[in-house]
Amino acid sequence: MTDESTQLPFLITLGEQLAERAERDEAEQERGGRFRRWSGGRARRSEMRGGRTLALGGTVAAAVAVTAVLALTVDFGGGDGRGGRVVAPTPATAHAVLLDAARTAQAQPDAMPGPDQLFFVHSLTTRLQSGRPPTAANTDAITFDRRVWTSPTQPGRLFETAVTRTPLAGGRAEQLGNPDVPQGVEATGGYQLGALRLTRGELLRFPTDPAAIVARMREAQPGATTADLFAGLGDALREAPAPPALRAGLYQALAQLPGVHLVDATTDPRGRPAATVGFDNRDGTRSELFLDPDTAEMLAERETLTDPSLQHLSLPAGTTVSSTVYLRRAAVDSVSDQ
């Protein structure tokens, strides 16, 4: 990451707003409120995430791909920099971190939703939106409050509300007054693991041996690259549930992938202690996963530039182009439960 002096004031303001929101959530959690901590997994990134259109002030702005955005060197997660203890595994390698996460995941309570329950995830995501062609004058950093309820057997619900918009050209962050308008989510038909779609029963019976996990993923996606496997395993840990033994197997499978490395970050984007692993994609970006060392929960994810020339962007390596922090995951009884 580049020196903090290159960051513009409006992006610092955006970070402060995210930090304030996170602090309110922490206070609710400590009081046993709606953000009680859960150490489970996460659902796959799908059509409900990036690439959706969003109505902003009566106009529709499309979230553009990394290849068509104007990014800046900024941490979009909004942490306050207070990370507590330093997370430094011994030995300090991605393999050691992931095997430790596997052992920790195995020891966690089973938080799989029941047959009639839904899986709820609350997160904050910041990404870029731009006109075509993207310029500093027509690109904004948008922060979304995202809440999603999913189930293999019953309709779910999605709220993805834009809460902050900041022009990249500079200026004050705008608070967006978008109402919470739910979007219907069909029953998913199963939980996703890479290209595999599994019923609840199939997920409970899925092999937990890391080699068997990877073999099943490759069978479902012939020709899958290591980057595909990293993304699929990460997706299975983000917004999808999994029993403890399978979560442990997913981390062990990540540990066996060539090219996965330890990232020099000991806190997640909102300042929580984290062990961080990454994978450098061939498109000039790096995918990073932030893991809670105490629970093996996926705390956050981030996409950064490693080779801006491959994205045809005149930006320094280390530029953050998107970031998501996860606030709550839980098995719930209805789409009104959080």
C-alpha atoms as a PDB file:
ATOM      1  CA  MET A   1       0.000   0.000   0.000  1.00  0.00           C
ATOM      2  CA  THR A   2       1.273   3.456  -0.826  1.00  0.00           C
ATOM      3  CA  ASP A   3       2.059   6.196   1.659  1.00  0.00           C
ATOM      4  CA  GLU A   4      -0.958   7.687   3.445  1.00  0.00           C
ATOM      5  CA  SER A   5      -0.002  11.133   2.163  1.00  0.00           C
ATOM      6  CA  THR A   6      -1.367  10.142  -1.259  1.00  0.00           C
ATOM      7  CA  GLN A   7      -4.873   9.623   0.126  1.00  0.00           C
ATOM      8  CA  LEU A   8      -7.362  12.453  -0.423  1.00  0.00           C
ATOM      9  CA  PRO A   9      -9.395  13.963   2.440  1.00  0.00           C
ATOM     10  CA  PHE A  10     -12.769  12.838   1.062  1.00  0.00           C
ATOM     11  CA  LEU A  11     -11.659   9.229   1.182  1.00  0.00           C
ATOM     12  CA  ILE A  12     -10.558   9.655   4.770  1.00  0.00           C
ATOM     13  CA  THR A  13     -14.038  11.044   5.484  1.00  0.00           C
ATOM     14  CA  LEU A  14     -15.574   7.970   3.881  1.00  0.00           C
ATOM     15  CA  GLY A  15     -13.424   5.767   6.093  1.00  0.00           C
ATOM     16  CA  GLU A  16     -14.475   7.677   9.190  1.00  0.00           C
ATOM     17  CA  GLN A  17     -18.135   7.140   8.362  1.00  0.00           C
ATOM     18  CA  LEU A  18     -17.587   3.412   7.954  1.00  0.00           C
ATOM     19  CA  ALA A  19     -15.667   3.303  11.235  1.00  0.00           C
ATOM     20  CA  GLU A  20     -18.498   5.081  13.051  1.00  0.00           C
ATOM     21  CA  ARG A  21     -20.986   2.580  11.658  1.00  0.00           C
ATOM     22  CA  ALA A  22     -18.757  -0.317  12.695  1.00  0.00           C
ATOM     23  CA  GLU A  23     -18.407   1.095  16.218  1.00  0.00           C
ATOM     24  CA  ARG A  24     -22.201   1.295  16.538  1.00  0.00           C
ATOM     25  CA  ASP A  25     -22.429  -2.327  15.452  1.00  0.00           C
ATOM     26  CA  GLU A  26     -19.794  -3.331  18.031  1.00  0.00           C
ATOM     27  CA  ALA A  27     -21.811  -1.578  20.735  1.00  0.00           C
ATOM     28  CA  GLU A  28     -24.951  -3.460  19.697  1.00  0.00           C
ATOM     29  CA  GLN A  29     -22.998  -6.721  19.735  1.00  0.00           C
ATOM     30  CA  GLU A  30     -21.678  -6.121  23.248  1.00  0.00           C
ATOM     31  CA  ARG A  31     -25.218  -5.405  24.471  1.00  0.00           C
ATOM     32  CA  GLY A  32     -26.430  -8.649  22.937  1.00  0.00           C
ATOM     33  CA  GLY A  33     -28.323  -6.762  20.246  1.00  0.00           C
ATOM     34  CA  ARG A  34     -28.915  -7.530  16.606  1.00  0.00           C
ATOM     35  CA  PHE A  35     -25.208  -7.786  15.760  1.00  0.00           C
ATOM     36  CA  ARG A  36     -24.316 -10.615  18.113  1.00  0.00           C
ATOM     37  CA  ARG A  37     -21.215 -12.253  16.772  1.00  0.00           C
ATOM     38  CA  TRP A  38     -21.454 -15.565  14.949  1.00  0.00           C
ATOM     39  CA  SER A  39     -18.450 -17.548  13.849  1.00  0.00           C
ATOM     40  CA  GLY A  40     -19.904 -19.204  10.811  1.00  0.00           C
ATOM     41  CA  GLY A  41     -19.264 -19.025   7.089  1.00  0.00           C
ATOM     42  CA  ARG A  42     -20.467 -16.885   4.160  1.00  0.00           C
ATOM     43  CA  ALA A  43     -22.759 -17.403   0.665  1.00  0.00           C
ATOM     44  CA  ARG A  44     -21.169 -17.299  -2.629  1.00  0.00           C
ATOM     45  CA  ARG A  45     -20.630 -14.069  -4.493  1.00  0.00           C
ATOM     46  CA  SER A  46     -23.338 -14.193  -7.100  1.00  0.00           C
ATOM     47  CA  GLU A  47     -25.483 -12.025  -9.320  1.00  0.00           C
ATOM     48  CA  MET A  48     -26.672 -10.373  -6.110  1.00  0.00           C
ATOM     49  CA  ARG A  49     -23.258  -8.748  -5.633  1.00  0.00           C
ATOM     50  CA  GLY A  50     -21.096  -6.703  -8.008  1.00  0.00           C
ATOM     51  CA  GLY A  51     -22.460  -5.691 -11.376  1.00  0.00           C
ATOM     52  CA  ARG A  52     -25.950  -4.712 -10.190  1.00  0.00           C
ATOM     53  CA  THR A  53     -27.440  -1.422 -11.233  1.00  0.00           C
ATOM     54  CA  LEU A  54     -28.335   1.074  -8.526  1.00  0.00           C
ATOM     55  CA  ALA A  55     -30.702   4.018  -8.607  1.00  0.00           C
ATOM     56  CA  LEU A  56     -28.943   7.112  -7.272  1.00  0.00           C
ATOM     57  CA  GLY A  57     -30.824  10.376  -7.126  1.00  0.00           C
ATOM     58  CA  GLY A  58     -33.173   9.343  -9.902  1.00  0.00           C
ATOM     59  CA  THR A  59     -30.424   8.124 -12.219  1.00  0.00           C
ATOM     60  CA  VAL A  60     -29.073   4.613 -12.717  1.00  0.00           C
ATOM     61  CA  ALA A  61     -25.340   4.015 -12.254  1.00  0.00           C
ATOM     62  CA  ALA A  62     -23.800   0.637 -13.146  1.00  0.00           C
ATOM     63  CA  ALA A  63     -21.003  -0.829 -11.039  1.00  0.00           C
ATOM     64  CA  VAL A  64     -18.158  -1.222 -13.520  1.00  0.00           C
ATOM     65  CA  ALA A  65     -15.539  -3.958 -13.665  1.00  0.00           C
ATOM     66  CA  VAL A  66     -12.037  -3.369 -12.355  1.00  0.00           C
ATOM     67  CA  THR A  67     -10.876  -2.961 -15.940  1.00  0.00           C
ATOM     68  CA  ALA A  68     -13.093   0.102 -16.336  1.00  0.00           C
ATOM     69  CA  VAL A  69     -12.686   2.089 -13.117  1.00  0.00           C
ATOM     70  CA  LEU A  70     -10.557   4.956 -11.945  1.00  0.00           C
ATOM     71  CA  ALA A  71      -9.262   3.877  -8.528  1.00  0.00           C
ATOM     72  CA  LEU A  72      -7.197   5.584  -5.833  1.00  0.00           C
ATOM     73  CA  THR A  73      -4.844   4.261  -3.187  1.00  0.00           C
ATOM     74  CA  VAL A  74      -7.230   3.998  -0.275  1.00  0.00           C
ATOM     75  CA  ASP A  75      -8.451   1.408   2.172  1.00  0.00           C
ATOM     76  CA  PHE A  76     -12.192   1.268   1.516  1.00  0.00           C
ATOM     77  CA  GLY A  77     -12.931  -0.687   4.681  1.00  0.00           C
ATOM     78  CA  GLY A  78     -12.978   2.272   7.037  1.00  0.00           C
ATOM     79  CA  GLY A  79     -11.017   0.898   9.986  1.00  0.00           C
ATOM     80  CA  ASP A  80      -9.767   3.293  12.620  1.00  0.00           C
ATOM     81  CA  GLY A  81      -6.278   1.787  12.691  1.00  0.00           C
ATOM     82  CA  ARG A  82      -6.617   0.371  16.198  1.00  0.00           C
ATOM     83  CA  GLY A  83      -5.918  -3.267  15.589  1.00  0.00           C
ATOM     84  CA  GLY A  84      -5.126  -4.644  19.033  1.00  0.00           C
ATOM     85  CA  ARG A  85      -2.520  -7.360  19.138  1.00  0.00           C
ATOM     86  CA  VAL A  86      -0.354  -8.183  16.165  1.00  0.00           C
ATOM     87  CA  VAL A  87      -1.220 -11.410  14.394  1.00  0.00           C
ATOM     88  CA  ALA A  88       2.074 -13.097  13.510  1.00  0.00           C
ATOM     89  CA  PRO A  89       1.898 -16.880  13.178  1.00  0.00           C
ATOM     90  CA  THR A  90       4.983 -18.985  13.737  1.00  0.00           C
ATOM     91  CA  PRO A  91       6.213 -19.713  11.168  1.00  0.00           C
ATOM     92  CA  ALA A  92       4.757 -16.687   9.406  1.00  0.00           C
ATOM     93  CA  THR A  93       3.470 -18.362   6.248  1.00  0.00           C
ATOM     94  CA  ALA A  94       0.086 -18.592   4.550  1.00  0.00           C
ATOM     95  CA  HIS A  95       0.219 -22.364   4.962  1.00  0.00           C
ATOM     96  CA  ALA A  96       0.635 -22.031   8.745  1.00  0.00           C
ATOM     97  CA  VAL A  97      -2.106 -19.409   8.983  1.00  0.00           C
ATOM     98  CA  LEU A  98      -4.599 -21.519   7.042  1.00  0.00           C
ATOM     99  CA  LEU A  99      -3.855 -24.728   8.929  1.00  0.00           C
ATOM    100  CA  ASP A 100      -4.302 -22.825  12.191  1.00  0.00           C
ATOM    101  CA  ALA A 101      -7.613 -21.460  10.853  1.00  0.00           C
ATOM    102  CA  ALA A 102      -8.646 -25.034  10.016  1.00  0.00           C
ATOM    103  CA  ARG A 103      -7.975 -26.199  13.577  1.00  0.00           C
ATOM    104  CA  THR A 104      -9.862 -23.214  14.964  1.00  0.00           C
ATOM    105  CA  ALA A 105     -12.828 -23.736  12.620  1.00  0.00           C
ATOM    106  CA  GLN A 106     -13.052 -27.392  13.623  1.00  0.00           C
ATOM    107  CA  ALA A 107     -13.443 -26.353  17.273  1.00  0.00           C
ATOM    108  CA  GLN A 108     -16.277 -23.850  16.676  1.00  0.00           C
ATOM    109  CA  PRO A 109     -19.948 -24.583  17.486  1.00  0.00           C
ATOM    110  CA  ASP A 110     -22.030 -25.959  14.636  1.00  0.00           C
ATOM    111  CA  ALA A 111     -24.063 -22.999  13.341  1.00  0.00           C
ATOM    112  CA  MET A 112     -25.615 -24.615  10.257  1.00  0.00           C
ATOM    113  CA  PRO A 113     -29.155 -23.366   9.568  1.00  0.00           C
ATOM    114  CA  GLY A 114     -31.881 -25.902  10.169  1.00  0.00           C
ATOM    115  CA  PRO A 115     -33.980 -27.324   7.301  1.00  0.00           C
ATOM    116  CA  ASP A 116     -36.554 -24.519   7.654  1.00  0.00           C
ATOM    117  CA  GLN A 117     -34.149 -21.676   8.429  1.00  0.00           C
ATOM    118  CA  LEU A 118     -32.459 -19.027   6.298  1.00  0.00           C
ATOM    119  CA  PHE A 119     -28.881 -17.814   6.376  1.00  0.00           C
ATOM    120  CA  PHE A 120     -28.486 -14.084   7.087  1.00  0.00           C
ATOM    121  CA  VAL A 121     -25.382 -11.999   6.307  1.00  0.00           C
ATOM    122  CA  HIS A 122     -24.875  -8.284   6.945  1.00  0.00           C
ATOM    123  CA  SER A 123     -21.925  -6.479   5.369  1.00  0.00           C
ATOM    124  CA  LEU A 124     -20.645  -3.090   4.233  1.00  0.00           C
ATOM    125  CA  THR A 125     -19.139  -2.902   0.760  1.00  0.00           C
ATOM    126  CA  THR A 126     -17.364  -0.010  -0.926  1.00  0.00           C
ATOM    127  CA  ARG A 127     -16.803  -0.143  -4.663  1.00  0.00           C
ATOM    128  CA  LEU A 128     -16.435   2.228  -7.590  1.00  0.00           C
ATOM    129  CA  GLN A 129     -19.035   3.380 -10.094  1.00  0.00           C
ATOM    130  CA  SER A 130     -18.178   5.255 -13.246  1.00  0.00           C
ATOM    131  CA  GLY A 131     -19.438   6.598 -16.502  1.00  0.00           C
ATOM    132  CA  ARG A 132     -17.964   5.567 -19.824  1.00  0.00           C
ATOM    133  CA  PRO A 133     -15.162   6.240 -20.386  1.00  0.00           C
ATOM    134  CA  PRO A 134     -14.209   6.441 -16.713  1.00  0.00           C
ATOM    135  CA  THR A 135     -12.666   9.688 -15.589  1.00  0.00           C
ATOM    136  CA  ALA A 136     -12.077  11.372 -12.237  1.00  0.00           C
ATOM    137  CA  ALA A 137     -15.027  13.637 -12.991  1.00  0.00           C
ATOM    138  CA  ASN A 138     -17.558  10.827 -13.499  1.00  0.00           C
ATOM    139  CA  THR A 139     -16.375   8.217 -10.974  1.00  0.00           C
ATOM    140  CA  ASP A 140     -17.714   7.869  -7.429  1.00  0.00           C
ATOM    141  CA  ALA A 141     -16.860   5.666  -4.465  1.00  0.00           C
ATOM    142  CA  ILE A 142     -20.147   4.136  -3.266  1.00  0.00           C
ATOM    143  CA  THR A 143     -20.617   2.429   0.090  1.00  0.00           C
ATOM    144  CA  PHE A 144     -23.461  -0.084   0.338  1.00  0.00           C
ATOM    145  CA  ASP A 145     -25.201  -1.508   3.381  1.00  0.00           C
ATOM    146  CA  ARG A 146     -25.977  -5.089   2.292  1.00  0.00           C
ATOM    147  CA  ARG A 147     -28.257  -7.538   4.071  1.00  0.00           C
ATOM    148  CA  VAL A 148     -29.181 -10.857   2.473  1.00  0.00           C
ATOM    149  CA  TRP A 149     -31.281 -13.851   3.561  1.00  0.00           C
ATOM    150  CA  THR A 150     -30.858 -17.062   1.528  1.00  0.00           C
ATOM    151  CA  SER A 151     -32.198 -20.590   1.664  1.00  0.00           C
ATOM    152  CA  PRO A 152     -32.034 -23.654  -0.596  1.00  0.00           C
ATOM    153  CA  THR A 153     -35.768 -24.257  -0.207  1.00  0.00           C
ATOM    154  CA  GLN A 154     -37.590 -20.957   0.367  1.00  0.00           C
ATOM    155  CA  PRO A 155     -37.569 -17.392  -1.006  1.00  0.00           C
ATOM    156  CA  GLY A 156     -35.105 -15.022   0.600  1.00  0.00           C
ATOM    157  CA  ARG A 157     -34.616 -11.280   0.642  1.00  0.00           C
ATOM    158  CA  LEU A 158     -31.928  -8.772  -0.253  1.00  0.00           C
ATOM    159  CA  PHE A 159     -31.415  -5.192   0.874  1.00  0.00           C
ATOM    160  CA  GLU A 160     -28.482  -3.450  -0.815  1.00  0.00           C
ATOM    161  CA  THR A 161     -28.731   0.206   0.085  1.00  0.00           C
ATOM    162  CA  ALA A 162     -26.260   2.872  -0.989  1.00  0.00           C
ATOM    163  CA  VAL A 163     -25.435   4.898   2.115  1.00  0.00           C
ATOM    164  CA  THR A 164     -22.525   7.105   0.990  1.00  0.00           C
ATOM    165  CA  ARG A 165     -21.379   8.532  -2.345  1.00  0.00           C
ATOM    166  CA  THR A 166     -18.094  10.429  -2.747  1.00  0.00           C
ATOM    167  CA  PRO A 167     -16.786  11.895  -6.019  1.00  0.00           C
ATOM    168  CA  LEU A 168     -13.256  10.820  -6.847  1.00  0.00           C
ATOM    169  CA  ALA A 169     -12.513  14.310  -8.145  1.00  0.00           C
ATOM    170  CA  GLY A 170     -12.774  15.552  -4.568  1.00  0.00           C
ATOM    171  CA  GLY A 171     -15.471  17.019  -2.406  1.00  0.00           C
ATOM    172  CA  ARG A 172     -17.647  16.149   0.539  1.00  0.00           C
ATOM    173  CA  ALA A 173     -19.095  12.676   0.982  1.00  0.00           C
ATOM    174  CA  GLU A 174     -22.831  12.660   0.372  1.00  0.00           C
ATOM    175  CA  GLN A 175     -25.151  10.748   2.657  1.00  0.00           C
ATOM    176  CA  LEU A 176     -27.697   8.945   0.505  1.00  0.00           C
ATOM    177  CA  GLY A 177     -31.258   8.804   1.730  1.00  0.00           C
ATOM    178  CA  ASN A 178     -32.195   5.661  -0.191  1.00  0.00           C
ATOM    179  CA  PRO A 179     -35.039   3.795   1.537  1.00  0.00           C
ATOM    180  CA  ASP A 180     -34.686   0.148   2.419  1.00  0.00           C
ATOM    181  CA  VAL A 181     -36.430  -1.341  -0.596  1.00  0.00           C
ATOM    182  CA  PRO A 182     -36.169  -5.139  -0.503  1.00  0.00           C
ATOM    183  CA  GLN A 183     -35.403  -7.127  -3.601  1.00  0.00           C
ATOM    184  CA  GLY A 184     -36.889 -10.580  -3.854  1.00  0.00           C
ATOM    185  CA  VAL A 185     -34.428 -13.457  -3.828  1.00  0.00           C
ATOM    186  CA  GLU A 186     -35.552 -16.816  -5.125  1.00  0.00           C
ATOM    187  CA  ALA A 187     -34.695 -19.993  -3.275  1.00  0.00           C
ATOM    188  CA  THR A 188     -31.080 -20.683  -4.205  1.00  0.00           C
ATOM    189  CA  GLY A 189     -31.675 -24.371  -4.820  1.00  0.00           C
ATOM    190  CA  GLY A 190     -28.626 -25.176  -2.751  1.00  0.00           C
ATOM    191  CA  TYR A 191     -25.415 -23.857  -1.275  1.00  0.00           C
ATOM    192  CA  GLN A 192     -22.569 -22.989  -3.614  1.00  0.00           C
ATOM    193  CA  LEU A 193     -19.047 -24.415  -3.429  1.00  0.00           C
ATOM    194  CA  GLY A 194     -17.177 -23.326  -6.521  1.00  0.00           C
ATOM    195  CA  ALA A 195     -19.280 -24.547  -9.467  1.00  0.00           C
ATOM    196  CA  LEU A 196     -21.058 -27.069  -7.233  1.00  0.00           C
ATOM    197  CA  ARG A 197     -24.593 -26.411  -6.011  1.00  0.00           C
ATOM    198  CA  LEU A 198     -25.367 -28.547  -2.962  1.00  0.00           C
ATOM    199  CA  THR A 199     -28.577 -29.175  -1.081  1.00  0.00           C
ATOM    200  CA  ARG A 200     -28.431 -28.874   2.672  1.00  0.00           C
ATOM    201  CA  GLY A 201     -28.160 -32.641   2.975  1.00  0.00           C
ATOM    202  CA  GLU A 202     -25.421 -32.814   0.346  1.00  0.00           C
ATOM    203  CA  LEU A 203     -23.499 -30.074   2.125  1.00  0.00           C
ATOM    204  CA  LEU A 204     -23.714 -31.958   5.421  1.00  0.00           C
ATOM    205  CA  ARG A 205     -22.425 -35.108   3.700  1.00  0.00           C
ATOM    206  CA  PHE A 206     -19.765 -33.376   1.598  1.00  0.00           C
ATOM    207  CA  PRO A 207     -16.220 -34.766   2.034  1.00  0.00           C
ATOM    208  CA  THR A 208     -14.047 -32.814   4.424  1.00  0.00           C
ATOM    209  CA  ASP A 209     -10.682 -34.089   3.172  1.00  0.00           C
ATOM    210  CA  PRO A 210      -9.002 -31.150   1.352  1.00  0.00           C
ATOM    211  CA  ALA A 211      -7.855 -33.252  -1.608  1.00  0.00           C
ATOM    212  CA  ALA A 212     -11.367 -34.626  -2.054  1.00  0.00           C
ATOM    213  CA  ILE A 213     -12.836 -31.112  -1.858  1.00  0.00           C
ATOM    214  CA  VAL A 214     -10.540 -29.855  -4.619  1.00  0.00           C
ATOM    215  CA  ALA A 215     -11.171 -32.976  -6.717  1.00  0.00           C
ATOM    216  CA  ARG A 216     -14.947 -32.440  -6.521  1.00  0.00           C
ATOM    217  CA  MET A 217     -14.514 -28.770  -7.455  1.00  0.00           C
ATOM    218  CA  ARG A 218     -12.352 -29.654 -10.468  1.00  0.00           C
ATOM    219  CA  GLU A 219     -14.845 -32.304 -11.553  1.00  0.00           C
ATOM    220  CA  ALA A 220     -17.625 -29.710 -11.516  1.00  0.00           C
ATOM    221  CA  GLN A 221     -15.466 -27.139 -13.331  1.00  0.00           C
ATOM    222  CA  PRO A 222     -13.107 -28.844 -15.783  1.00  0.00           C
ATOM    223  CA  GLY A 223     -10.103 -26.673 -16.540  1.00  0.00           C
ATOM    224  CA  ALA A 224     -10.468 -24.649 -13.342  1.00  0.00           C
ATOM    225  CA  THR A 225      -7.353 -22.587 -12.642  1.00  0.00           C
ATOM    226  CA  THR A 226      -5.801 -22.108  -9.226  1.00  0.00           C
ATOM    227  CA  ALA A 227      -7.374 -18.645  -9.202  1.00  0.00           C
ATOM    228  CA  ASP A 228     -10.785 -20.256  -9.801  1.00  0.00           C
ATOM    229  CA  LEU A 229     -10.225 -22.634  -6.896  1.00  0.00           C
ATOM    230  CA  PHE A 230      -9.091 -19.805  -4.584  1.00  0.00           C
ATOM    231  CA  ALA A 231     -12.188 -17.793  -5.504  1.00  0.00           C
ATOM    232  CA  GLY A 232     -14.520 -20.773  -5.094  1.00  0.00           C
ATOM    233  CA  LEU A 233     -13.128 -21.744  -1.703  1.00  0.00           C
ATOM    234  CA  GLY A 234     -13.251 -18.136  -0.552  1.00  0.00           C
ATOM    235  CA  ASP A 235     -16.843 -17.787  -1.750  1.00  0.00           C
ATOM    236  CA  ALA A 236     -17.829 -20.849   0.281  1.00  0.00           C
ATOM    237  CA  LEU A 237     -16.454 -19.124   3.402  1.00  0.00           C
ATOM    238  CA  ARG A 238     -18.061 -15.730   2.858  1.00  0.00           C
ATOM    239  CA  GLU A 239     -21.865 -15.858   2.624  1.00  0.00           C
ATOM    240  CA  ALA A 240     -22.568 -19.592   2.891  1.00  0.00           C
ATOM    241  CA  PRO A 241     -22.861 -21.791   5.982  1.00  0.00           C
ATOM    242  CA  ALA A 242     -20.861 -24.966   6.465  1.00  0.00           C
ATOM    243  CA  PRO A 243     -20.496 -27.451   9.340  1.00  0.00           C
ATOM    244  CA  PRO A 244     -17.263 -27.064  11.330  1.00  0.00           C
ATOM    245  CA  ALA A 245     -15.505 -30.078   9.799  1.00  0.00           C
ATOM    246  CA  LEU A 246     -16.182 -28.854   6.265  1.00  0.00           C
ATOM    247  CA  ARG A 247     -15.041 -25.322   7.096  1.00  0.00           C
ATOM    248  CA  ALA A 248     -11.825 -26.826   8.414  1.00  0.00           C
ATOM    249  CA  GLY A 249     -11.455 -28.761   5.166  1.00  0.00           C
ATOM    250  CA  LEU A 250     -11.990 -25.608   3.093  1.00  0.00           C
ATOM    251  CA  TYR A 251      -9.148 -23.870   4.924  1.00  0.00           C
ATOM    252  CA  GLN A 252      -6.923 -26.922   4.496  1.00  0.00           C
ATOM    253  CA  ALA A 253      -7.715 -26.911   0.772  1.00  0.00           C
ATOM    254  CA  LEU A 254      -6.741 -23.241   0.552  1.00  0.00           C
ATOM    255  CA  ALA A 255      -3.478 -24.077   2.330  1.00  0.00           C
ATOM    256  CA  GLN A 256      -2.615 -26.594  -0.387  1.00  0.00           C
ATOM    257  CA  LEU A 257      -3.116 -24.218  -3.326  1.00  0.00           C
ATOM    258  CA  PRO A 258       0.151 -23.059  -4.911  1.00  0.00           C
ATOM    259  CA  GLY A 259       0.650 -19.307  -4.944  1.00  0.00           C
ATOM    260  CA  VAL A 260      -1.396 -18.496  -1.819  1.00  0.00           C
ATOM    261  CA  HIS A 261       0.752 -16.215   0.308  1.00  0.00           C
ATOM    262  CA  LEU A 262       0.711 -14.257   3.534  1.00  0.00           C
ATOM    263  CA  VAL A 263      -0.194 -10.575   3.165  1.00  0.00           C
ATOM    264  CA  ASP A 264       1.547  -7.999   5.337  1.00  0.00           C
ATOM    265  CA  ALA A 265      -1.620  -6.960   7.168  1.00  0.00           C
ATOM    266  CA  THR A 266      -2.379  -7.757  10.805  1.00  0.00           C
ATOM    267  CA  THR A 267      -5.778  -6.039  10.940  1.00  0.00           C
ATOM    268  CA  ASP A 268      -8.774  -6.087   8.635  1.00  0.00           C
ATOM    269  CA  PRO A 269     -10.061  -2.894   6.948  1.00  0.00           C
ATOM    270  CA  ARG A 270     -12.046  -1.906  10.035  1.00  0.00           C
ATOM    271  CA  GLY A 271      -9.136  -2.468  12.436  1.00  0.00           C
ATOM    272  CA  ARG A 272      -9.971  -5.910  13.829  1.00  0.00           C
ATOM    273  CA  PRO A 273      -7.029  -8.271  14.419  1.00  0.00           C
ATOM    274  CA  ALA A 274      -6.706 -10.533  11.391  1.00  0.00           C
ATOM    275  CA  ALA A 275      -4.414 -12.949   9.646  1.00  0.00           C
ATOM    276  CA  THR A 276      -4.462 -12.173   5.925  1.00  0.00           C
ATOM    277  CA  VAL A 277      -3.803 -14.396   2.935  1.00  0.00           C
ATOM    278  CA  GLY A 278      -3.814 -13.419  -0.708  1.00  0.00           C
ATOM    279  CA  PHE A 279      -3.613 -14.741  -4.235  1.00  0.00           C
ATOM    280  CA  ASP A 280      -2.215 -12.799  -7.193  1.00  0.00           C
ATOM    281  CA  ASN A 281      -4.495 -13.136 -10.199  1.00  0.00           C
ATOM    282  CA  ARG A 282      -3.208 -12.995 -13.756  1.00  0.00           C
ATOM    283  CA  ASP A 283      -5.266  -9.887 -14.484  1.00  0.00           C
ATOM    284  CA  GLY A 284      -3.034  -7.703 -12.302  1.00  0.00           C
ATOM    285  CA  THR A 285      -5.149  -7.855  -9.159  1.00  0.00           C
ATOM    286  CA  ARG A 286      -4.743  -9.532  -5.778  1.00  0.00           C
ATOM    287  CA  SER A 287      -7.593 -11.126  -3.835  1.00  0.00           C
ATOM    288  CA  GLU A 288      -7.140 -10.879  -0.055  1.00  0.00           C
ATOM    289  CA  LEU A 289      -9.005 -12.706   2.706  1.00  0.00           C
ATOM    290  CA  PHE A 290      -8.923 -11.445   6.316  1.00  0.00           C
ATOM    291  CA  LEU A 291      -9.429 -14.164   8.942  1.00  0.00           C
ATOM    292  CA  ASP A 292     -10.261 -13.854  12.622  1.00  0.00           C
ATOM    293  CA  PRO A 293      -7.455 -15.717  14.446  1.00  0.00           C
ATOM    294  CA  ASP A 294      -9.782 -16.581  17.349  1.00  0.00           C
ATOM    295  CA  THR A 295     -12.779 -17.967  15.422  1.00  0.00           C
ATOM    296  CA  ALA A 296     -11.553 -18.556  11.829  1.00  0.00           C
ATOM    297  CA  GLU A 297     -14.419 -16.332  10.704  1.00  0.00           C
ATOM    298  CA  MET A 298     -13.998 -14.472   7.414  1.00  0.00           C
ATOM    299  CA  LEU A 299     -13.837 -10.869   8.613  1.00  0.00           C
ATOM    300  CA  ALA A 300     -13.312  -9.070   5.319  1.00  0.00           C
ATOM    301  CA  GLU A 301     -12.094  -9.292   1.761  1.00  0.00           C
ATOM    302  CA  ARG A 302     -10.286  -6.809  -0.437  1.00  0.00           C
ATOM    303  CA  GLU A 303      -9.257  -6.461  -4.073  1.00  0.00           C
ATOM    304  CA  THR A 304      -6.047  -4.560  -4.821  1.00  0.00           C
ATOM    305  CA  LEU A 305      -3.966  -3.807  -7.904  1.00  0.00           C
ATOM    306  CA  THR A 306      -0.645  -5.582  -8.272  1.00  0.00           C
ATOM    307  CA  ASP A 307       0.093  -4.676 -11.909  1.00  0.00           C
ATOM    308  CA  PRO A 308      -1.974  -1.652 -12.985  1.00  0.00           C
ATOM    309  CA  SER A 309      -0.688  -1.922 -16.555  1.00  0.00           C
ATOM    310  CA  LEU A 310      -2.688  -5.120 -17.026  1.00  0.00           C
ATOM    311  CA  GLN A 311      -5.793  -3.151 -16.132  1.00  0.00           C
ATOM    312  CA  HIS A 312      -4.741  -0.268 -18.420  1.00  0.00           C
ATOM    313  CA  LEU A 313      -4.749   2.095 -15.441  1.00  0.00           C
ATOM    314  CA  SER A 314      -2.098   4.644 -14.517  1.00  0.00           C
ATOM    315  CA  LEU A 315      -2.231   3.813 -10.827  1.00  0.00           C
ATOM    316  CA  PRO A 316       0.322   2.612  -8.286  1.00  0.00           C
ATOM    317  CA  ALA A 317       0.473  -1.014  -7.252  1.00  0.00           C
ATOM    318  CA  GLY A 318      -1.404  -1.542  -3.991  1.00  0.00           C
ATOM    319  CA  THR A 319      -4.417   0.525  -5.003  1.00  0.00           C
ATOM    320  CA  THR A 320      -7.590  -0.758  -3.344  1.00  0.00           C
ATOM    321  CA  VAL A 321     -10.478  -1.020  -5.781  1.00  0.00           C
ATOM    322  CA  SER A 322     -13.072  -2.704  -3.558  1.00  0.00           C
ATOM    323  CA  SER A 323     -13.444  -3.836   0.035  1.00  0.00           C
ATOM    324  CA  THR A 324     -16.121  -5.611   2.095  1.00  0.00           C
ATOM    325  CA  VAL A 325     -16.358  -6.029   5.857  1.00  0.00           C
ATOM    326  CA  TYR A 326     -18.720  -8.569   7.399  1.00  0.00           C
ATOM    327  CA  LEU A 327     -20.703  -7.534  10.466  1.00  0.00           C
ATOM    328  CA  ARG A 328     -23.001 -10.460  11.184  1.00  0.00           C
ATOM    329  CA  ARG A 329     -23.809 -13.982  10.000  1.00  0.00           C
ATOM    330  CA  ALA A 330     -26.593 -16.039  11.532  1.00  0.00           C
ATOM    331  CA  ALA A 331     -29.139 -18.798  11.011  1.00  0.00           C
ATOM    332  CA  VAL A 332     -32.556 -17.128  11.282  1.00  0.00           C
ATOM    333  CA  ASP A 333     -36.178 -18.227  11.127  1.00  0.00           C
ATOM    334  CA  SER A 334     -37.562 -15.622   8.710  1.00  0.00           C
ATOM    335  CA  VAL A 335     -36.588 -12.757   6.389  1.00  0.00           C
ATOM    336  CA  SER A 336     -37.552 -10.320   9.146  1.00  0.00           C
ATOM    337  CA  ASP A 337     -34.948 -11.707  11.548  1.00  0.00           C
ATOM    338  CA  GLN A 338     -31.482 -10.127  11.808  1.00  0.00           C
END
